[in-house]
């Protein structure tokens, strides 16, 4: 059974027996704060600065970024490319949705 915690904005931590995954580590500039975290895997869904606060994660993690299939720490991660806006990516580019 996994424990899921929301840290604000689009940042989540999924902690399970196999590994801890953090998605889009939130930056204080978004109005949310997240203390230092341990993670085995960090998934980044977009290039926005508010979603890439890697300094909040203690070293020794692996990063997943972009579409594709990944396997780390007995965890399967599938990244699916999507538009980050309603103009087919023309305004904000692309985003990656993850199935973990």
PDB file of N, CA and C in Angstrom:
ATOM      1  N   UNK A   1       0.840  -1.176   0.000  1.00  0.00           N
ATOM      2  CA  UNK A   1       0.000   0.000   0.000  1.00  0.00           C
ATOM      3  C   UNK A   1       0.886   1.240   0.000  1.00  0.00           C
ATOM      4  N   UNK A   2       0.662   2.151  -0.891  1.00  0.00           N
ATOM      5  CA  UNK A   2       1.456   3.368  -1.002  1.00  0.00           C
ATOM      6  C   UNK A   2       0.840   4.493  -0.182  1.00  0.00           C
ATOM      7  N   UNK A   3       1.713   5.360   0.306  1.00  0.00           N
ATOM      8  CA  UNK A   3       1.277   6.580   0.993  1.00  0.00           C
ATOM      9  C   UNK A   3       1.477   7.720   0.008  1.00  0.00           C
ATOM     10  N   UNK A   4       0.437   8.513  -0.228  1.00  0.00           N
ATOM     11  CA  UNK A   4       0.518   9.629  -1.165  1.00  0.00           C
ATOM     12  C   UNK A   4       0.317  10.920  -0.393  1.00  0.00           C
ATOM     13  N   UNK A   5       1.218  11.877  -0.626  1.00  0.00           N
ATOM     14  CA  UNK A   5       1.117  13.169   0.056  1.00  0.00           C
ATOM     15  C   UNK A   5       1.268  14.288  -0.960  1.00  0.00           C
ATOM     16  N   UNK A   6       0.396  15.288  -0.858  1.00  0.00           N
ATOM     17  CA  UNK A   6       0.434  16.453  -1.732  1.00  0.00           C
ATOM     18  C   UNK A   6       1.161  17.577  -1.004  1.00  0.00           C
ATOM     19  N   UNK A   7       2.142  18.199  -1.671  1.00  0.00           N
ATOM     20  CA  UNK A   7       2.900  19.296  -1.075  1.00  0.00           C
ATOM     21  C   UNK A   7       2.489  20.653  -1.631  1.00  0.00           C
ATOM     22  N   UNK A   8       1.526  20.698  -2.510  1.00  0.00           N
ATOM     23  CA  UNK A   8       1.075  21.945  -3.098  1.00  0.00           C
ATOM     24  C   UNK A   8       1.469  22.035  -4.556  1.00  0.00           C
ATOM     25  N   UNK A   9       0.796  22.947  -5.253  1.00  0.00           N
ATOM     26  CA  UNK A   9       1.028  23.144  -6.683  1.00  0.00           C
ATOM     27  C   UNK A   9       0.800  21.802  -7.370  1.00  0.00           C
ATOM     28  N   UNK A  10       1.778  21.257  -8.057  1.00  0.00           N
ATOM     29  CA  UNK A  10       1.613  19.939  -8.681  1.00  0.00           C
ATOM     30  C   UNK A  10       2.639  18.943  -8.139  1.00  0.00           C
ATOM     31  N   UNK A  11       3.005  19.098  -6.876  1.00  0.00           N
ATOM     32  CA  UNK A  11       4.018  18.252  -6.240  1.00  0.00           C
ATOM     33  C   UNK A  11       3.372  17.188  -5.360  1.00  0.00           C
ATOM     34  N   UNK A  12       3.751  15.936  -5.625  1.00  0.00           N
ATOM     35  CA  UNK A  12       3.276  14.801  -4.835  1.00  0.00           C
ATOM     36  C   UNK A  12       4.457  13.928  -4.441  1.00  0.00           C
ATOM     37  N   UNK A  13       4.324  13.280  -3.306  1.00  0.00           N
ATOM     38  CA  UNK A  13       5.274  12.240  -2.899  1.00  0.00           C
ATOM     39  C   UNK A  13       4.495  10.938  -2.789  1.00  0.00           C
ATOM     40  N   UNK A  14       5.029   9.902  -3.418  1.00  0.00           N
ATOM     41  CA  UNK A  14       4.448   8.568  -3.330  1.00  0.00           C
ATOM     42  C   UNK A  14       5.488   7.696  -2.649  1.00  0.00           C
ATOM     43  N   UNK A  15       5.147   7.222  -1.474  1.00  0.00           N
ATOM     44  CA  UNK A  15       6.076   6.389  -0.703  1.00  0.00           C
ATOM     45  C   UNK A  15       5.505   4.977  -0.629  1.00  0.00           C
ATOM     46  N   UNK A  16       6.303   4.029  -1.100  1.00  0.00           N
ATOM     47  CA  UNK A  16       5.898   2.620  -1.070  1.00  0.00           C
ATOM     48  C   UNK A  16       7.078   1.796  -0.580  1.00  0.00           C
ATOM     49  N   UNK A  17       6.855   0.519  -0.430  1.00  0.00           N
ATOM     50  CA  UNK A  17       7.904  -0.378   0.045  1.00  0.00           C
ATOM     51  C   UNK A  17       9.108  -0.361  -0.898  1.00  0.00           C
ATOM     52  N   UNK A  18       8.852  -0.324  -2.195  1.00  0.00           N
ATOM     53  CA  UNK A  18       9.925  -0.395  -3.187  1.00  0.00           C
ATOM     54  C   UNK A  18      10.759   0.886  -3.274  1.00  0.00           C
ATOM     55  N   UNK A  19      10.102   2.035  -3.203  1.00  0.00           N
ATOM     56  CA  UNK A  19      10.809   3.302  -3.408  1.00  0.00           C
ATOM     57  C   UNK A  19       9.925   4.477  -3.015  1.00  0.00           C
ATOM     58  N   UNK A  20      10.566   5.642  -2.919  1.00  0.00           N
ATOM     59  CA  UNK A  20       9.856   6.909  -2.735  1.00  0.00           C
ATOM     60  C   UNK A  20      10.021   7.714  -4.006  1.00  0.00           C
ATOM     61  N   UNK A  21       8.894   8.170  -4.561  1.00  0.00           N
ATOM     62  CA  UNK A  21       8.889   8.956  -5.792  1.00  0.00           C
ATOM     63  C   UNK A  21       8.342  10.336  -5.466  1.00  0.00           C
ATOM     64  N   UNK A  22       9.043  11.365  -5.928  1.00  0.00           N
ATOM     65  CA  UNK A  22       8.532  12.734  -5.796  1.00  0.00           C
ATOM     66  C   UNK A  22       8.331  13.270  -7.202  1.00  0.00           C
ATOM     67  N   UNK A  23       7.146  13.822  -7.424  1.00  0.00           N
ATOM     68  CA  UNK A  23       6.808  14.389  -8.719  1.00  0.00           C
ATOM     69  C   UNK A  23       6.804  15.904  -8.595  1.00  0.00           C
ATOM     70  N   UNK A  24       7.565  16.569  -9.460  1.00  0.00           N
ATOM     71  CA  UNK A  24       7.629  18.029  -9.537  1.00  0.00           C
ATOM     72  C   UNK A  24       7.876  18.705  -8.192  1.00  0.00           C
ATOM     73  N   UNK A  25       9.079  18.575  -7.634  1.00  0.00           N
ATOM     74  CA  UNK A  25       9.385  19.222  -6.345  1.00  0.00           C
ATOM     75  C   UNK A  25       9.066  20.721  -6.396  1.00  0.00           C
ATOM     76  N   UNK A  26       8.205  21.142  -5.520  1.00  0.00           N
ATOM     77  CA  UNK A  26       7.671  22.502  -5.544  1.00  0.00           C
ATOM     78  C   UNK A  26       8.686  23.515  -5.007  1.00  0.00           C
ATOM     79  N   UNK A  27       8.691  24.704  -5.601  1.00  0.00           N
ATOM     80  CA  UNK A  27       9.562  25.806  -5.182  1.00  0.00           C
ATOM     81  C   UNK A  27       8.742  26.816  -4.395  1.00  0.00           C
ATOM     82  N   UNK A  28       9.382  27.481  -3.439  1.00  0.00           N
ATOM     83  CA  UNK A  28       8.688  28.482  -2.602  1.00  0.00           C
ATOM     84  C   UNK A  28       8.017  29.581  -3.423  1.00  0.00           C
ATOM     85  N   UNK A  29       8.532  29.876  -4.608  1.00  0.00           N
ATOM     86  CA  UNK A  29       7.961  30.938  -5.441  1.00  0.00           C
ATOM     87  C   UNK A  29       6.511  30.653  -5.828  1.00  0.00           C
ATOM     88  N   UNK A  30       6.064  29.411  -5.690  1.00  0.00           N
ATOM     89  CA  UNK A  30       4.681  29.055  -6.005  1.00  0.00           C
ATOM     90  C   UNK A  30       3.727  29.378  -4.862  1.00  0.00           C
ATOM     91  N   UNK A  31       4.297  29.700  -3.692  1.00  0.00           N
ATOM     92  CA  UNK A  31       3.470  29.961  -2.518  1.00  0.00           C
ATOM     93  C   UNK A  31       3.372  28.756  -1.592  1.00  0.00           C
ATOM     94  N   UNK A  32       3.975  27.646  -1.985  1.00  0.00           N
ATOM     95  CA  UNK A  32       3.996  26.430  -1.166  1.00  0.00           C
ATOM     96  C   UNK A  32       5.418  26.167  -0.707  1.00  0.00           C
ATOM     97  N   UNK A  33       5.557  25.498   0.405  1.00  0.00           N
ATOM     98  CA  UNK A  33       6.885  25.170   0.920  1.00  0.00           C
ATOM     99  C   UNK A  33       6.968  23.674   1.185  1.00  0.00           C
ATOM    100  N   UNK A  34       8.128  23.126   0.906  1.00  0.00           N
ATOM    101  CA  UNK A  34       8.371  21.713   1.138  1.00  0.00           C
ATOM    102  C   UNK A  34       9.740  21.599   1.795  1.00  0.00           C
ATOM    103  N   UNK A  35       9.803  20.948   2.933  1.00  0.00           N
ATOM    104  CA  UNK A  35      11.088  20.739   3.588  1.00  0.00           C
ATOM    105  C   UNK A  35      11.938  19.755   2.807  1.00  0.00           C
ATOM    106  N   UNK A  36      13.179  19.582   3.237  1.00  0.00           N
ATOM    107  CA  UNK A  36      14.077  18.617   2.587  1.00  0.00           C
ATOM    108  C   UNK A  36      13.446  17.234   2.583  1.00  0.00           C
ATOM    109  N   UNK A  37      13.545  16.546   1.468  1.00  0.00           N
ATOM    110  CA  UNK A  37      12.920  15.242   1.309  1.00  0.00           C
ATOM    111  C   UNK A  37      13.938  14.203   0.848  1.00  0.00           C
ATOM    112  N   UNK A  38      13.690  12.965   1.193  1.00  0.00           N
ATOM    113  CA  UNK A  38      14.434  11.833   0.649  1.00  0.00           C
ATOM    114  C   UNK A  38      13.605  11.251  -0.478  1.00  0.00           C
ATOM    115  N   UNK A  39      14.259  10.881  -1.565  1.00  0.00           N
ATOM    116  CA  UNK A  39      13.550  10.255  -2.676  1.00  0.00           C
ATOM    117  C   UNK A  39      14.510   9.338  -3.415  1.00  0.00           C
ATOM    118  N   UNK A  40      13.964   8.283  -3.969  1.00  0.00           N
ATOM    119  CA  UNK A  40      14.732   7.410  -4.843  1.00  0.00           C
ATOM    120  C   UNK A  40      14.596   7.862  -6.290  1.00  0.00           C
ATOM    121  N   UNK A  41      13.393   8.348  -6.635  1.00  0.00           N
ATOM    122  CA  UNK A  41      13.089   8.777  -8.003  1.00  0.00           C
ATOM    123  C   UNK A  41      12.417  10.140  -7.943  1.00  0.00           C
ATOM    124  N   UNK A  42      12.845  11.054  -8.820  1.00  0.00           N
ATOM    125  CA  UNK A  42      12.199  12.357  -8.964  1.00  0.00           C
ATOM    126  C   UNK A  42      11.730  12.470 -10.410  1.00  0.00           C
ATOM    127  N   UNK A  43      10.430  12.675 -10.599  1.00  0.00           N
ATOM    128  CA  UNK A  43       9.851  12.818 -11.927  1.00  0.00           C
ATOM    129  C   UNK A  43       9.533  14.288 -12.170  1.00  0.00           C
ATOM    130  N   UNK A  44       9.996  14.798 -13.307  1.00  0.00           N
ATOM    131  CA  UNK A  44       9.779  16.192 -13.676  1.00  0.00           C
ATOM    132  C   UNK A  44       8.856  16.233 -14.887  1.00  0.00           C
ATOM    133  N   UNK A  45       7.717  16.904 -14.752  1.00  0.00           N
ATOM    134  CA  UNK A  45       6.720  16.877 -15.815  1.00  0.00           C
ATOM    135  C   UNK A  45       6.826  18.030 -16.799  1.00  0.00           C
ATOM    136  N   UNK A  46       7.483  19.129 -16.403  1.00  0.00           N
ATOM    137  CA  UNK A  46       7.588  20.272 -17.308  1.00  0.00           C
ATOM    138  C   UNK A  46       8.817  21.103 -16.964  1.00  0.00           C
ATOM    139  N   UNK A  47       9.047  22.146 -17.739  1.00  0.00           N
ATOM    140  CA  UNK A  47      10.252  22.951 -17.542  1.00  0.00           C
ATOM    141  C   UNK A  47      10.028  24.173 -16.657  1.00  0.00           C
ATOM    142  N   UNK A  48       8.853  24.321 -16.068  1.00  0.00           N
ATOM    143  CA  UNK A  48       8.563  25.463 -15.199  1.00  0.00           C
ATOM    144  C   UNK A  48       9.417  25.458 -13.945  1.00  0.00           C
ATOM    145  N   UNK A  49       9.972  26.610 -13.587  1.00  0.00           N
ATOM    146  CA  UNK A  49      10.867  26.703 -12.435  1.00  0.00           C
ATOM    147  C   UNK A  49      10.182  26.324 -11.123  1.00  0.00           C
ATOM    148  N   UNK A  50       8.898  26.547 -11.005  1.00  0.00           N
ATOM    149  CA  UNK A  50       8.178  26.223  -9.782  1.00  0.00           C
ATOM    150  C   UNK A  50       8.010  24.732  -9.545  1.00  0.00           C
ATOM    151  N   UNK A  51       8.345  23.931 -10.556  1.00  0.00           N
ATOM    152  CA  UNK A  51       8.156  22.479 -10.482  1.00  0.00           C
ATOM    153  C   UNK A  51       9.469  21.703 -10.544  1.00  0.00           C
ATOM    154  N   UNK A  52      10.593  22.376 -10.353  1.00  0.00           N
ATOM    155  CA  UNK A  52      11.894  21.726 -10.533  1.00  0.00           C
ATOM    156  C   UNK A  52      12.848  22.030  -9.386  1.00  0.00           C
ATOM    157  N   UNK A  53      12.353  22.066  -8.181  1.00  0.00           N
ATOM    158  CA  UNK A  53      13.174  22.423  -7.030  1.00  0.00           C
ATOM    159  C   UNK A  53      13.987  21.211  -6.554  1.00  0.00           C
ATOM    160  N   UNK A  54      14.991  20.843  -7.305  1.00  0.00           N
ATOM    161  CA  UNK A  54      15.799  19.671  -6.973  1.00  0.00           C
ATOM    162  C   UNK A  54      16.654  19.889  -5.726  1.00  0.00           C
ATOM    163  N   UNK A  55      16.844  21.142  -5.313  1.00  0.00           N
ATOM    164  CA  UNK A  55      17.611  21.401  -4.092  1.00  0.00           C
ATOM    165  C   UNK A  55      16.844  20.969  -2.841  1.00  0.00           C
ATOM    166  N   UNK A  56      15.535  20.735  -2.973  1.00  0.00           N
ATOM    167  CA  UNK A  56      14.724  20.276  -1.838  1.00  0.00           C
ATOM    168  C   UNK A  56      14.844  18.767  -1.626  1.00  0.00           C
ATOM    169  N   UNK A  57      15.513  18.083  -2.537  1.00  0.00           N
ATOM    170  CA  UNK A  57      15.659  16.633  -2.450  1.00  0.00           C
ATOM    171  C   UNK A  57      17.098  16.305  -2.073  1.00  0.00           C
ATOM    172  N   UNK A  58      17.251  15.471  -1.068  1.00  0.00           N
ATOM    173  CA  UNK A  58      18.596  15.059  -0.661  1.00  0.00           C
ATOM    174  C   UNK A  58      19.241  14.257  -1.791  1.00  0.00           C
ATOM    175  N   UNK A  59      20.558  14.336  -1.942  1.00  0.00           N
ATOM    176  CA  UNK A  59      21.250  13.650  -3.057  1.00  0.00           C
ATOM    177  C   UNK A  59      20.976  12.148  -3.093  1.00  0.00           C
ATOM    178  N   UNK A  60      21.406  11.544  -4.158  1.00  0.00           N
ATOM    179  CA  UNK A  60      21.294  10.091  -4.390  1.00  0.00           C
ATOM    180  C   UNK A  60      19.940   9.690  -4.945  1.00  0.00           C
ATOM    181  N   UNK A  61      19.338  10.508  -5.788  1.00  0.00           N
ATOM    182  CA  UNK A  61      18.088  10.145  -6.449  1.00  0.00           C
ATOM    183  C   UNK A  61      18.327  10.054  -7.951  1.00  0.00           C
ATOM    184  N   UNK A  62      17.435   9.340  -8.620  1.00  0.00           N
ATOM    185  CA  UNK A  62      17.462   9.254 -10.073  1.00  0.00           C
ATOM    186  C   UNK A  62      16.330  10.110 -10.611  1.00  0.00           C
ATOM    187  N   UNK A  63      16.569  10.748 -11.759  1.00  0.00           N
ATOM    188  CA  UNK A  63      15.590  11.659 -12.339  1.00  0.00           C
ATOM    189  C   UNK A  63      14.931  11.030 -13.562  1.00  0.00           C
ATOM    190  N   UNK A  64      13.628  11.206 -13.657  1.00  0.00           N
ATOM    191  CA  UNK A  64      12.847  10.813 -14.825  1.00  0.00           C
ATOM    192  C   UNK A  64      12.327  12.095 -15.442  1.00  0.00           C
ATOM    193  N   UNK A  65      12.578  12.276 -16.723  1.00  0.00           N
ATOM    194  CA  UNK A  65      12.119  13.495 -17.376  1.00  0.00           C
ATOM    195  C   UNK A  65      11.745  13.194 -18.817  1.00  0.00           C
ATOM    196  N   UNK A  66      10.502  13.434 -19.152  1.00  0.00           N
ATOM    197  CA  UNK A  66      10.057  13.261 -20.520  1.00  0.00           C
ATOM    198  C   UNK A  66       9.397  11.923 -20.789  1.00  0.00           C
ATOM    199  N   UNK A  67       8.839  11.814 -21.986  1.00  0.00           N
ATOM    200  CA  UNK A  67       8.140  10.595 -22.381  1.00  0.00           C
ATOM    201  C   UNK A  67       9.073   9.393 -22.431  1.00  0.00           C
ATOM    202  N   UNK A  68       8.523   8.228 -22.176  1.00  0.00           N
ATOM    203  CA  UNK A  68       9.299   6.999 -22.258  1.00  0.00           C
ATOM    204  C   UNK A  68       8.893   6.028 -21.178  1.00  0.00           C
ATOM    205  N   UNK A  69       9.579   4.897 -21.180  1.00  0.00           N
ATOM    206  CA  UNK A  69       9.341   3.866 -20.172  1.00  0.00           C
ATOM    207  C   UNK A  69      10.606   3.707 -19.347  1.00  0.00           C
ATOM    208  N   UNK A  70      10.454   3.713 -18.041  1.00  0.00           N
ATOM    209  CA  UNK A  70      11.575   3.655 -17.121  1.00  0.00           C
ATOM    210  C   UNK A  70      11.319   2.576 -16.073  1.00  0.00           C
ATOM    211  N   UNK A  71      12.376   1.952 -15.614  1.00  0.00           N
ATOM    212  CA  UNK A  71      12.283   1.027 -14.490  1.00  0.00           C
ATOM    213  C   UNK A  71      13.445   1.319 -13.554  1.00  0.00           C
ATOM    214  N   UNK A  72      13.135   1.690 -12.335  1.00  0.00           N
ATOM    215  CA  UNK A  72      14.130   2.014 -11.318  1.00  0.00           C
ATOM    216  C   UNK A  72      13.615   1.534  -9.977  1.00  0.00           C
ATOM    217  N   UNK A  73      14.452   0.926  -9.187  1.00  0.00           N
ATOM    218  CA  UNK A  73      14.080   0.484  -7.836  1.00  0.00           C
ATOM    219  C   UNK A  73      12.810  -0.376  -7.842  1.00  0.00           C
ATOM    220  N   UNK A  74      12.668  -1.231  -8.830  1.00  0.00           N
ATOM    221  CA  UNK A  74      11.482  -2.087  -8.968  1.00  0.00           C
ATOM    222  C   UNK A  74      10.193  -1.292  -9.164  1.00  0.00           C
ATOM    223  N   UNK A  75      10.310  -0.078  -9.672  1.00  0.00           N
ATOM    224  CA  UNK A  75       9.161   0.771  -9.960  1.00  0.00           C
ATOM    225  C   UNK A  75       9.134   1.026 -11.467  1.00  0.00           C
ATOM    226  N   UNK A  76       7.980   0.829 -12.083  1.00  0.00           N
ATOM    227  CA  UNK A  76       7.805   1.110 -13.500  1.00  0.00           C
ATOM    228  C   UNK A  76       7.162   2.481 -13.652  1.00  0.00           C
ATOM    229  N   UNK A  77       7.765   3.324 -14.494  1.00  0.00           N
ATOM    230  CA  UNK A  77       7.259   4.669 -14.739  1.00  0.00           C
ATOM    231  C   UNK A  77       7.097   4.827 -16.247  1.00  0.00           C
ATOM    232  N   UNK A  78       5.914   5.254 -16.666  1.00  0.00           N
ATOM    233  CA  UNK A  78       5.669   5.534 -18.077  1.00  0.00           C
ATOM    234  C   UNK A  78       5.342   7.014 -18.217  1.00  0.00           C
ATOM    235  N   UNK A  79       6.117   7.721 -19.040  1.00  0.00           N
ATOM    236  CA  UNK A  79       5.880   9.134 -19.300  1.00  0.00           C
ATOM    237  C   UNK A  79       5.153   9.307 -20.620  1.00  0.00           C
ATOM    238  N   UNK A  80       4.079  10.077 -20.610  1.00  0.00           N
ATOM    239  CA  UNK A  80       3.262  10.307 -21.795  1.00  0.00           C
ATOM    240  C   UNK A  80       3.247  11.806 -22.090  1.00  0.00           C
ATOM    241  N   UNK A  81       3.639  12.187 -23.301  1.00  0.00           N
ATOM    242  CA  UNK A  81       3.694  13.598 -23.675  1.00  0.00           C
ATOM    243  C   UNK A  81       2.289  14.154 -23.870  1.00  0.00           C
ATOM    244  N   UNK A  82       2.065  15.334 -23.280  1.00  0.00           N
ATOM    245  CA  UNK A  82       0.795  16.041 -23.422  1.00  0.00           C
ATOM    246  C   UNK A  82       1.098  17.515 -23.655  1.00  0.00           C
ATOM    247  N   UNK A  83       0.091  18.274 -24.023  1.00  0.00           N
ATOM    248  CA  UNK A  83       0.262  19.718 -24.163  1.00  0.00           C
ATOM    249  C   UNK A  83       0.154  20.377 -22.801  1.00  0.00           C
ATOM    250  N   UNK A  84       0.954  21.402 -22.587  1.00  0.00           N
ATOM    251  CA  UNK A  84       0.927  22.144 -21.327  1.00  0.00           C
ATOM    252  C   UNK A  84      -0.086  23.291 -21.376  1.00  0.00           C
ATOM    253  N   UNK A  85      -0.741  23.461 -22.492  1.00  0.00           N
ATOM    254  CA  UNK A  85      -1.715  24.540 -22.654  1.00  0.00           C
ATOM    255  C   UNK A  85      -2.857  24.054 -23.543  1.00  0.00           C
ATOM    256  N   UNK A  86      -3.804  24.917 -23.795  1.00  0.00           N
ATOM    257  CA  UNK A  86      -4.939  24.538 -24.640  1.00  0.00           C
ATOM    258  C   UNK A  86      -4.760  24.983 -26.088  1.00  0.00           C
ATOM    259  N   UNK A  87      -3.500  25.302 -26.464  1.00  0.00           N
ATOM    260  CA  UNK A  87      -3.193  25.738 -27.825  1.00  0.00           C
ATOM    261  C   UNK A  87      -2.226  24.765 -28.502  1.00  0.00           C
ATOM    262  N   UNK A  88      -2.341  23.504 -28.161  1.00  0.00           N
ATOM    263  CA  UNK A  88      -1.499  22.435 -28.702  1.00  0.00           C
ATOM    264  C   UNK A  88      -0.008  22.728 -28.507  1.00  0.00           C
ATOM    265  N   UNK A  89       0.333  23.253 -27.324  1.00  0.00           N
ATOM    266  CA  UNK A  89       1.721  23.491 -26.962  1.00  0.00           C
ATOM    267  C   UNK A  89       2.309  24.788 -27.468  1.00  0.00           C
ATOM    268  N   UNK A  90       1.545  25.598 -28.188  1.00  0.00           N
ATOM    269  CA  UNK A  90       2.091  26.834 -28.776  1.00  0.00           C
ATOM    270  C   UNK A  90       2.457  27.872 -27.723  1.00  0.00           C
ATOM    271  N   UNK A  91       1.726  27.923 -26.617  1.00  0.00           N
ATOM    272  CA  UNK A  91       1.988  28.936 -25.586  1.00  0.00           C
ATOM    273  C   UNK A  91       2.996  28.455 -24.540  1.00  0.00           C
ATOM    274  N   UNK A  92       2.812  27.240 -24.033  1.00  0.00           N
ATOM    275  CA  UNK A  92       3.641  26.764 -22.919  1.00  0.00           C
ATOM    276  C   UNK A  92       4.443  25.507 -23.238  1.00  0.00           C
ATOM    277  N   UNK A  93       4.328  24.993 -24.435  1.00  0.00           N
ATOM    278  CA  UNK A  93       5.101  23.802 -24.797  1.00  0.00           C
ATOM    279  C   UNK A  93       4.428  22.526 -24.327  1.00  0.00           C
ATOM    280  N   UNK A  94       5.255  21.573 -23.966  1.00  0.00           N
ATOM    281  CA  UNK A  94       4.757  20.244 -23.631  1.00  0.00           C
ATOM    282  C   UNK A  94       4.911  19.924 -22.152  1.00  0.00           C
ATOM    283  N   UNK A  95       4.157  18.938 -21.742  1.00  0.00           N
ATOM    284  CA  UNK A  95       4.131  18.447 -20.384  1.00  0.00           C
ATOM    285  C   UNK A  95       4.251  16.924 -20.469  1.00  0.00           C
ATOM    286  N   UNK A  96       4.653  16.302 -19.409  1.00  0.00           N
ATOM    287  CA  UNK A  96       4.679  14.843 -19.374  1.00  0.00           C
ATOM    288  C   UNK A  96       3.802  14.365 -18.232  1.00  0.00           C
ATOM    289  N   UNK A  97       2.868  13.493 -18.523  1.00  0.00           N
ATOM    290  CA  UNK A  97       2.039  12.851 -17.504  1.00  0.00           C
ATOM    291  C   UNK A  97       2.672  11.493 -17.220  1.00  0.00           C
ATOM    292  N   UNK A  98       2.714  11.103 -15.954  1.00  0.00           N
ATOM    293  CA  UNK A  98       3.354   9.855 -15.570  1.00  0.00           C
ATOM    294  C   UNK A  98       2.353   8.853 -15.018  1.00  0.00           C
ATOM    295  N   UNK A  99       2.533   7.611 -15.434  1.00  0.00           N
ATOM    296  CA  UNK A  99       1.812   6.491 -14.851  1.00  0.00           C
ATOM    297  C   UNK A  99       2.873   5.727 -14.055  1.00  0.00           C
ATOM    298  N   UNK A 100       2.640   5.596 -12.743  1.00  0.00           N
ATOM    299  CA  UNK A 100       3.652   4.987 -11.861  1.00  0.00           C
ATOM    300  C   UNK A 100       3.061   3.738 -11.246  1.00  0.00           C
TER     301      UNK A 100
END
